[in-house]
PDB file of N, CA and C in Angstrom:
ATOM      1  N   MET A   1       0.688  -1.340  -0.086  1.00  0.00           N
ATOM      2  CA  MET A   1       0.096   0.113   0.012  1.00  0.00           C
ATOM      3  C   MET A   1       0.914   1.281   0.243  1.00  0.00           C
ATOM      4  N   ASP A   2       0.649   2.321  -0.654  1.00  0.00           N
ATOM      5  CA  ASP A   2       1.433   3.582  -1.067  1.00  0.00           C
ATOM      6  C   ASP A   2       0.773   4.534  -0.563  1.00  0.00           C
ATOM      7  N   GLU A   3       1.134   5.644  -0.220  1.00  0.00           N
ATOM      8  CA  GLU A   3       0.716   6.784   0.226  1.00  0.00           C
ATOM      9  C   GLU A   3      -0.699   7.080  -0.075  1.00  0.00           C
ATOM     10  N   LEU A   4      -0.935   7.124  -1.629  1.00  0.00           N
ATOM     11  CA  LEU A   4      -2.135   7.490  -2.362  1.00  0.00           C
ATOM     12  C   LEU A   4      -3.120   6.455  -1.833  1.00  0.00           C
ATOM     13  N   ASP A   5      -2.995   5.295  -1.050  1.00  0.00           N
ATOM     14  CA  ASP A   5      -3.799   4.599  -0.418  1.00  0.00           C
ATOM     15  C   ASP A   5      -4.329   4.756   0.737  1.00  0.00           C
ATOM     16  N   GLU A   6      -3.592   5.587   1.432  1.00  0.00           N
ATOM     17  CA  GLU A   6      -3.594   5.939   2.867  1.00  0.00           C
ATOM     18  C   GLU A   6      -4.097   7.587   3.039  1.00  0.00           C
ATOM     19  N   LEU A   7      -5.630   7.776   3.920  1.00  0.00           N
ATOM     20  CA  LEU A   7      -5.627   8.674   4.213  1.00  0.00           C
ATOM     21  C   LEU A   7      -5.975   9.113   5.686  1.00  0.00           C
ATOM     22  N   LYS A   8      -4.868  10.022   6.182  1.00  0.00           N
ATOM     23  CA  LYS A   8      -5.057  10.287   7.894  1.00  0.00           C
ATOM     24  C   LYS A   8      -6.013  11.404   7.862  1.00  0.00           C
ATOM     25  N   LEU A   9      -7.162  11.206   8.771  1.00  0.00           N
ATOM     26  CA  LEU A   9      -8.005  12.357   9.030  1.00  0.00           C
ATOM     27  C   LEU A   9      -7.860  12.703  10.594  1.00  0.00           C
ATOM     28  N   ALA A  10      -8.416  14.037  10.601  1.00  0.00           N
ATOM     29  CA  ALA A  10      -8.403  14.794  11.768  1.00  0.00           C
ATOM     30  C   ALA A  10      -9.872  14.845  12.018  1.00  0.00           C
ATOM     31  N   ILE A  11     -10.634  14.314  12.780  1.00  0.00           N
ATOM     32  CA  ILE A  11     -11.737  14.265  13.085  1.00  0.00           C
ATOM     33  C   ILE A  11     -12.326  15.264  14.534  1.00  0.00           C
ATOM     34  N   ILE A  12     -13.273  16.012  13.938  1.00  0.00           N
ATOM     35  CA  ILE A  12     -14.101  16.812  15.135  1.00  0.00           C
ATOM     36  C   ILE A  12     -15.269  16.173  15.432  1.00  0.00           C
ATOM     37  N   ASP A  13     -15.708  15.761  16.463  1.00  0.00           N
ATOM     38  CA  ASP A  13     -17.171  15.237  17.026  1.00  0.00           C
ATOM     39  C   ASP A  13     -17.617  16.707  17.764  1.00  0.00           C
ATOM     40  N   THR A  14     -18.896  16.465  17.625  1.00  0.00           N
ATOM     41  CA  THR A  14     -19.858  17.386  18.698  1.00  0.00           C
ATOM     42  C   THR A  14     -21.007  16.757  19.065  1.00  0.00           C
ATOM     43  N   PRO A  15     -21.750  16.866  20.385  1.00  0.00           N
ATOM     44  CA  PRO A  15     -22.300  16.247  21.093  1.00  0.00           C
ATOM     45  C   PRO A  15     -23.676  16.009  19.987  1.00  0.00           C
ATOM     46  N   ASP A  16     -23.530  16.824  19.080  1.00  0.00           N
ATOM     47  CA  ASP A  16     -25.156  16.615  18.179  1.00  0.00           C
ATOM     48  C   ASP A  16     -24.481  15.717  16.846  1.00  0.00           C
ATOM     49  N   CYS A  17     -23.251  15.925  16.772  1.00  0.00           N
ATOM     50  CA  CYS A  17     -22.875  15.101  15.526  1.00  0.00           C
ATOM     51  C   CYS A  17     -21.734  14.410  15.622  1.00  0.00           C
ATOM     52  N   SER A  18     -21.644  12.909  15.940  1.00  0.00           N
ATOM     53  CA  SER A  18     -20.395  12.361  15.646  1.00  0.00           C
ATOM     54  C   SER A  18     -19.883  11.737  14.081  1.00  0.00           C
ATOM     55  N   VAL A  19     -19.215  12.541  14.064  1.00  0.00           N
ATOM     56  CA  VAL A  19     -18.495  12.470  12.713  1.00  0.00           C
ATOM     57  C   VAL A  19     -17.523  11.157  12.613  1.00  0.00           C
ATOM     58  N   SER A  20     -17.193  10.912  13.764  1.00  0.00           N
ATOM     59  CA  SER A  20     -16.236   9.680  13.641  1.00  0.00           C
ATOM     60  C   SER A  20     -17.242   8.722  13.409  1.00  0.00           C
ATOM     61  N   SER A  21     -17.999   8.421  13.940  1.00  0.00           N
ATOM     62  CA  SER A  21     -18.982   6.893  13.637  1.00  0.00           C
ATOM     63  C   SER A  21     -19.169   6.844  12.267  1.00  0.00           C
ATOM     64  N   GLN A  22     -19.565   7.931  11.224  1.00  0.00           N
ATOM     65  CA  GLN A  22     -19.210   7.461   9.789  1.00  0.00           C
ATOM     66  C   GLN A  22     -18.224   7.197   9.450  1.00  0.00           C
ATOM     67  N   PHE A  23     -16.873   7.658   9.791  1.00  0.00           N
ATOM     68  CA  PHE A  23     -16.070   7.061   9.185  1.00  0.00           C
ATOM     69  C   PHE A  23     -15.652   5.568   9.735  1.00  0.00           C
ATOM     70  N   ASN A  24     -15.968   5.081  10.779  1.00  0.00           N
ATOM     71  CA  ASN A  24     -16.100   3.760  11.379  1.00  0.00           C
ATOM     72  C   ASN A  24     -16.677   3.004  10.399  1.00  0.00           C
ATOM     73  N   GLU A  25     -17.948   3.202   9.630  1.00  0.00           N
ATOM     74  CA  GLU A  25     -18.557   2.217   8.887  1.00  0.00           C
ATOM     75  C   GLU A  25     -17.757   2.424   7.534  1.00  0.00           C
ATOM     76  N   PHE A  26     -16.766   3.282   7.320  1.00  0.00           N
ATOM     77  CA  PHE A  26     -16.513   3.426   5.767  1.00  0.00           C
ATOM     78  C   PHE A  26     -15.503   1.958   5.534  1.00  0.00           C
ATOM     79  N   ASP A  27     -15.714   1.503   4.556  1.00  0.00           N
ATOM     80  CA  ASP A  27     -15.251   0.441   4.229  1.00  0.00           C
ATOM     81  C   ASP A  27     -14.926   0.152   2.508  1.00  0.00           C
ATOM     82  N   GLU A  28     -13.902   0.736   2.082  1.00  0.00           N
ATOM     83  CA  GLU A  28     -13.176   0.622   0.504  1.00  0.00           C
ATOM     84  C   GLU A  28     -11.884  -0.284   0.329  1.00  0.00           C
ATOM     85  N   GLU A  29     -12.374  -1.128  -0.272  1.00  0.00           N
ATOM     86  CA  GLU A  29     -11.196  -2.093  -0.443  1.00  0.00           C
ATOM     87  C   GLU A  29      -9.539  -1.497  -1.090  1.00  0.00           C
ATOM     88  N   GLY A  30      -8.844  -1.336  -0.799  1.00  0.00           N
ATOM     89  CA  GLY A  30      -7.507  -0.443  -1.246  1.00  0.00           C
ATOM     90  C   GLY A  30      -7.438   0.685  -0.544  1.00  0.00           C
ATOM     91  N   LEU A  31      -8.306   1.147   0.539  1.00  0.00           N
ATOM     92  CA  LEU A  31      -7.941   2.554   0.693  1.00  0.00           C
ATOM     93  C   LEU A  31      -8.159   2.399   2.427  1.00  0.00           C
ATOM     94  N   SER A  32      -7.133   2.941   2.819  1.00  0.00           N
ATOM     95  CA  SER A  32      -7.004   2.778   4.612  1.00  0.00           C
ATOM     96  C   SER A  32      -7.171   4.023   5.037  1.00  0.00           C
ATOM     97  N   LEU A  33      -7.965   4.226   5.947  1.00  0.00           N
ATOM     98  CA  LEU A  33      -8.453   5.342   6.768  1.00  0.00           C
ATOM     99  C   LEU A  33      -7.948   5.163   8.307  1.00  0.00           C
ATOM    100  N   THR A  34      -6.822   6.383   8.510  1.00  0.00           N
ATOM    101  CA  THR A  34      -6.801   6.531  10.019  1.00  0.00           C
ATOM    102  C   THR A  34      -6.931   7.630  10.585  1.00  0.00           C
ATOM    103  N   SER A  35      -7.823   7.664  11.600  1.00  0.00           N
ATOM    104  CA  SER A  35      -8.579   8.849  12.242  1.00  0.00           C
ATOM    105  C   SER A  35      -7.686   9.338  13.568  1.00  0.00           C
ATOM    106  N   VAL A  36      -8.084  10.548  13.771  1.00  0.00           N
ATOM    107  CA  VAL A  36      -7.128  11.177  15.062  1.00  0.00           C
ATOM    108  C   VAL A  36      -8.250  11.976  15.601  1.00  0.00           C
ATOM    109  N   SER A  37      -8.886  11.844  16.414  1.00  0.00           N
ATOM    110  CA  SER A  37      -9.493  12.765  17.081  1.00  0.00           C
ATOM    111  C   SER A  37      -9.161  14.093  17.745  1.00  0.00           C
ATOM    112  N   VAL A  38      -9.740  15.128  17.436  1.00  0.00           N
ATOM    113  CA  VAL A  38      -8.879  16.290  17.613  1.00  0.00           C
ATOM    114  C   VAL A  38     -10.182  17.359  18.484  1.00  0.00           C
ATOM    115  N   SER A  39      -9.881  17.968  19.330  1.00  0.00           N
ATOM    116  CA  SER A  39     -10.779  18.731  20.134  1.00  0.00           C
ATOM    117  C   SER A  39     -10.967  19.859  19.682  1.00  0.00           C
ATOM    118  N   ASP A  40     -10.238  20.651  19.172  1.00  0.00           N
ATOM    119  CA  ASP A  40     -10.869  22.127  18.574  1.00  0.00           C
ATOM    120  C   ASP A  40     -10.148  22.508  17.091  1.00  0.00           C
ATOM    121  N   PHE A  41     -10.920  23.296  16.655  1.00  0.00           N
ATOM    122  CA  PHE A  41     -10.566  23.644  14.841  1.00  0.00           C
ATOM    123  C   PHE A  41      -9.260  24.198  14.890  1.00  0.00           C
ATOM    124  N   THR A  42      -8.603  25.087  15.842  1.00  0.00           N
ATOM    125  CA  THR A  42      -7.386  25.485  15.731  1.00  0.00           C
ATOM    126  C   THR A  42      -6.183  24.322  15.615  1.00  0.00           C
ATOM    127  N   ARG A  43      -6.291  23.626  16.640  1.00  0.00           N
ATOM    128  CA  ARG A  43      -5.259  22.834  16.480  1.00  0.00           C
ATOM    129  C   ARG A  43      -5.228  21.690  14.973  1.00  0.00           C
ATOM    130  N   ALA A  44      -7.008  21.202  14.848  1.00  0.00           N
ATOM    131  CA  ALA A  44      -7.049  20.121  13.482  1.00  0.00           C
ATOM    132  C   ALA A  44      -6.124  20.902  12.363  1.00  0.00           C
ATOM    133  N   ILE A  45      -6.514  22.291  11.922  1.00  0.00           N
ATOM    134  CA  ILE A  45      -5.864  23.097  11.035  1.00  0.00           C
ATOM    135  C   ILE A  45      -4.548  23.332  11.196  1.00  0.00           C
ATOM    136  N   SER A  46      -4.103  23.175  12.397  1.00  0.00           N
ATOM    137  CA  SER A  46      -2.536  23.304  12.114  1.00  0.00           C
ATOM    138  C   SER A  46      -2.022  21.834  11.869  1.00  0.00           C
ATOM    139  N   MET A  47      -2.554  20.797  12.014  1.00  0.00           N
ATOM    140  CA  MET A  47      -2.426  19.563  11.679  1.00  0.00           C
ATOM    141  C   MET A  47      -2.405  19.353  10.244  1.00  0.00           C
ATOM    142  N   LEU A  48      -3.369  20.003   9.908  1.00  0.00           N
ATOM    143  CA  LEU A  48      -3.719  19.916   8.170  1.00  0.00           C
ATOM    144  C   LEU A  48      -1.967  20.684   7.548  1.00  0.00           C
ATOM    145  N   SER A  49      -1.906  21.680   8.610  1.00  0.00           N
ATOM    146  CA  SER A  49      -0.821  22.845   7.767  1.00  0.00           C
ATOM    147  C   SER A  49       0.402  22.116   7.884  1.00  0.00           C
ATOM    148  N   GLU A  50       0.689  21.334   9.010  1.00  0.00           N
ATOM    149  CA  GLU A  50       2.074  20.724   9.252  1.00  0.00           C
ATOM    150  C   GLU A  50       1.953  19.454   8.441  1.00  0.00           C
ATOM    151  N   GLY A  51       1.020  18.828   7.819  1.00  0.00           N
ATOM    152  CA  GLY A  51       1.044  17.572   7.181  1.00  0.00           C
ATOM    153  C   GLY A  51       1.188  16.570   7.776  1.00  0.00           C
ATOM    154  N   ASP A  52       0.447  16.799   9.293  1.00  0.00           N
ATOM    155  CA  ASP A  52       0.188  15.624   9.674  1.00  0.00           C
ATOM    156  C   ASP A  52      -1.124  14.571   9.478  1.00  0.00           C
ATOM    157  N   VAL A  53      -2.030  15.210   9.105  1.00  0.00           N
ATOM    158  CA  VAL A  53      -3.067  14.592   8.457  1.00  0.00           C
ATOM    159  C   VAL A  53      -3.319  15.310   7.111  1.00  0.00           C
ATOM    160  N   ASP A  54      -4.341  14.268   6.390  1.00  0.00           N
ATOM    161  CA  ASP A  54      -4.597  14.753   4.837  1.00  0.00           C
ATOM    162  C   ASP A  54      -5.785  15.363   5.079  1.00  0.00           C
ATOM    163  N   MET A  55      -6.683  15.343   5.644  1.00  0.00           N
ATOM    164  CA  MET A  55      -8.010  15.641   5.456  1.00  0.00           C
ATOM    165  C   MET A  55      -8.589  16.015   7.247  1.00  0.00           C
ATOM    166  N   LEU A  56      -9.521  17.116   7.054  1.00  0.00           N
ATOM    167  CA  LEU A  56     -10.412  17.577   8.434  1.00  0.00           C
ATOM    168  C   LEU A  56     -11.723  16.878   8.314  1.00  0.00           C
ATOM    169  N   ALA A  57     -12.514  16.419   8.957  1.00  0.00           N
ATOM    170  CA  ALA A  57     -13.687  16.055   8.972  1.00  0.00           C
ATOM    171  C   ALA A  57     -14.361  16.639  10.129  1.00  0.00           C
ATOM    172  N   ILE A  58     -15.128  17.654   9.953  1.00  0.00           N
ATOM    173  CA  ILE A  58     -16.127  18.265  11.031  1.00  0.00           C
ATOM    174  C   ILE A  58     -17.543  18.374  10.673  1.00  0.00           C
ATOM    175  N   PRO A  59     -18.081  18.640  11.802  1.00  0.00           N
ATOM    176  CA  PRO A  59     -19.603  18.711  11.506  1.00  0.00           C
ATOM    177  C   PRO A  59     -19.914  20.334  10.772  1.00  0.00           C
ATOM    178  N   ALA A  60     -20.937  20.192   9.923  1.00  0.00           N
ATOM    179  CA  ALA A  60     -20.917  21.287   9.012  1.00  0.00           C
ATOM    180  C   ALA A  60     -21.181  22.764   9.848  1.00  0.00           C
ATOM    181  N   GLU A  61     -22.029  22.409  11.083  1.00  0.00           N
ATOM    182  CA  GLU A  61     -22.430  24.039  11.671  1.00  0.00           C
ATOM    183  C   GLU A  61     -21.164  24.213  12.391  1.00  0.00           C
ATOM    184  N   LEU A  62     -19.849  23.356  12.668  1.00  0.00           N
ATOM    185  CA  LEU A  62     -18.943  24.451  12.843  1.00  0.00           C
ATOM    186  C   LEU A  62     -18.345  25.390  12.006  1.00  0.00           C
ATOM    187  N   LEU A  63     -18.564  25.095  10.750  1.00  0.00           N
ATOM    188  CA  LEU A  63     -18.143  26.104   9.490  1.00  0.00           C
ATOM    189  C   LEU A  63     -19.518  27.462   9.586  1.00  0.00           C
ATOM    190  N   HIS A  64     -20.290  26.991   9.299  1.00  0.00           N
ATOM    191  CA  HIS A  64     -21.560  28.178   9.666  1.00  0.00           C
ATOM    192  C   HIS A  64     -22.313  28.523  10.383  1.00  0.00           C
ATOM    193  N   GLY A  65     -22.259  27.831  11.683  1.00  0.00           N
ATOM    194  CA  GLY A  65     -22.830  27.991  12.923  1.00  0.00           C
ATOM    195  C   GLY A  65     -24.477  27.780  13.385  1.00  0.00           C
ATOM    196  N   LYS A  66     -25.046  27.185  12.151  1.00  0.00           N
ATOM    197  CA  LYS A  66     -26.304  26.968  12.179  1.00  0.00           C
ATOM    198  C   LYS A  66     -26.628  25.423  12.444  1.00  0.00           C
TER     199      LYS A  66
END
């Protein structure tokens, strides 16, 4: 498996939306997902900019506030 077959995710869950549970159900042959639970948006963005993770998965309400 090469780097293109692996995704590292930073996941922020909220009491109203468990994003991590959606990724626990993800099962795609040939693709490996690794997730890290992150408690705040600033830390998650830092992890993205430092290359520690490939993607950020968050509830939409954290982006638009509704």
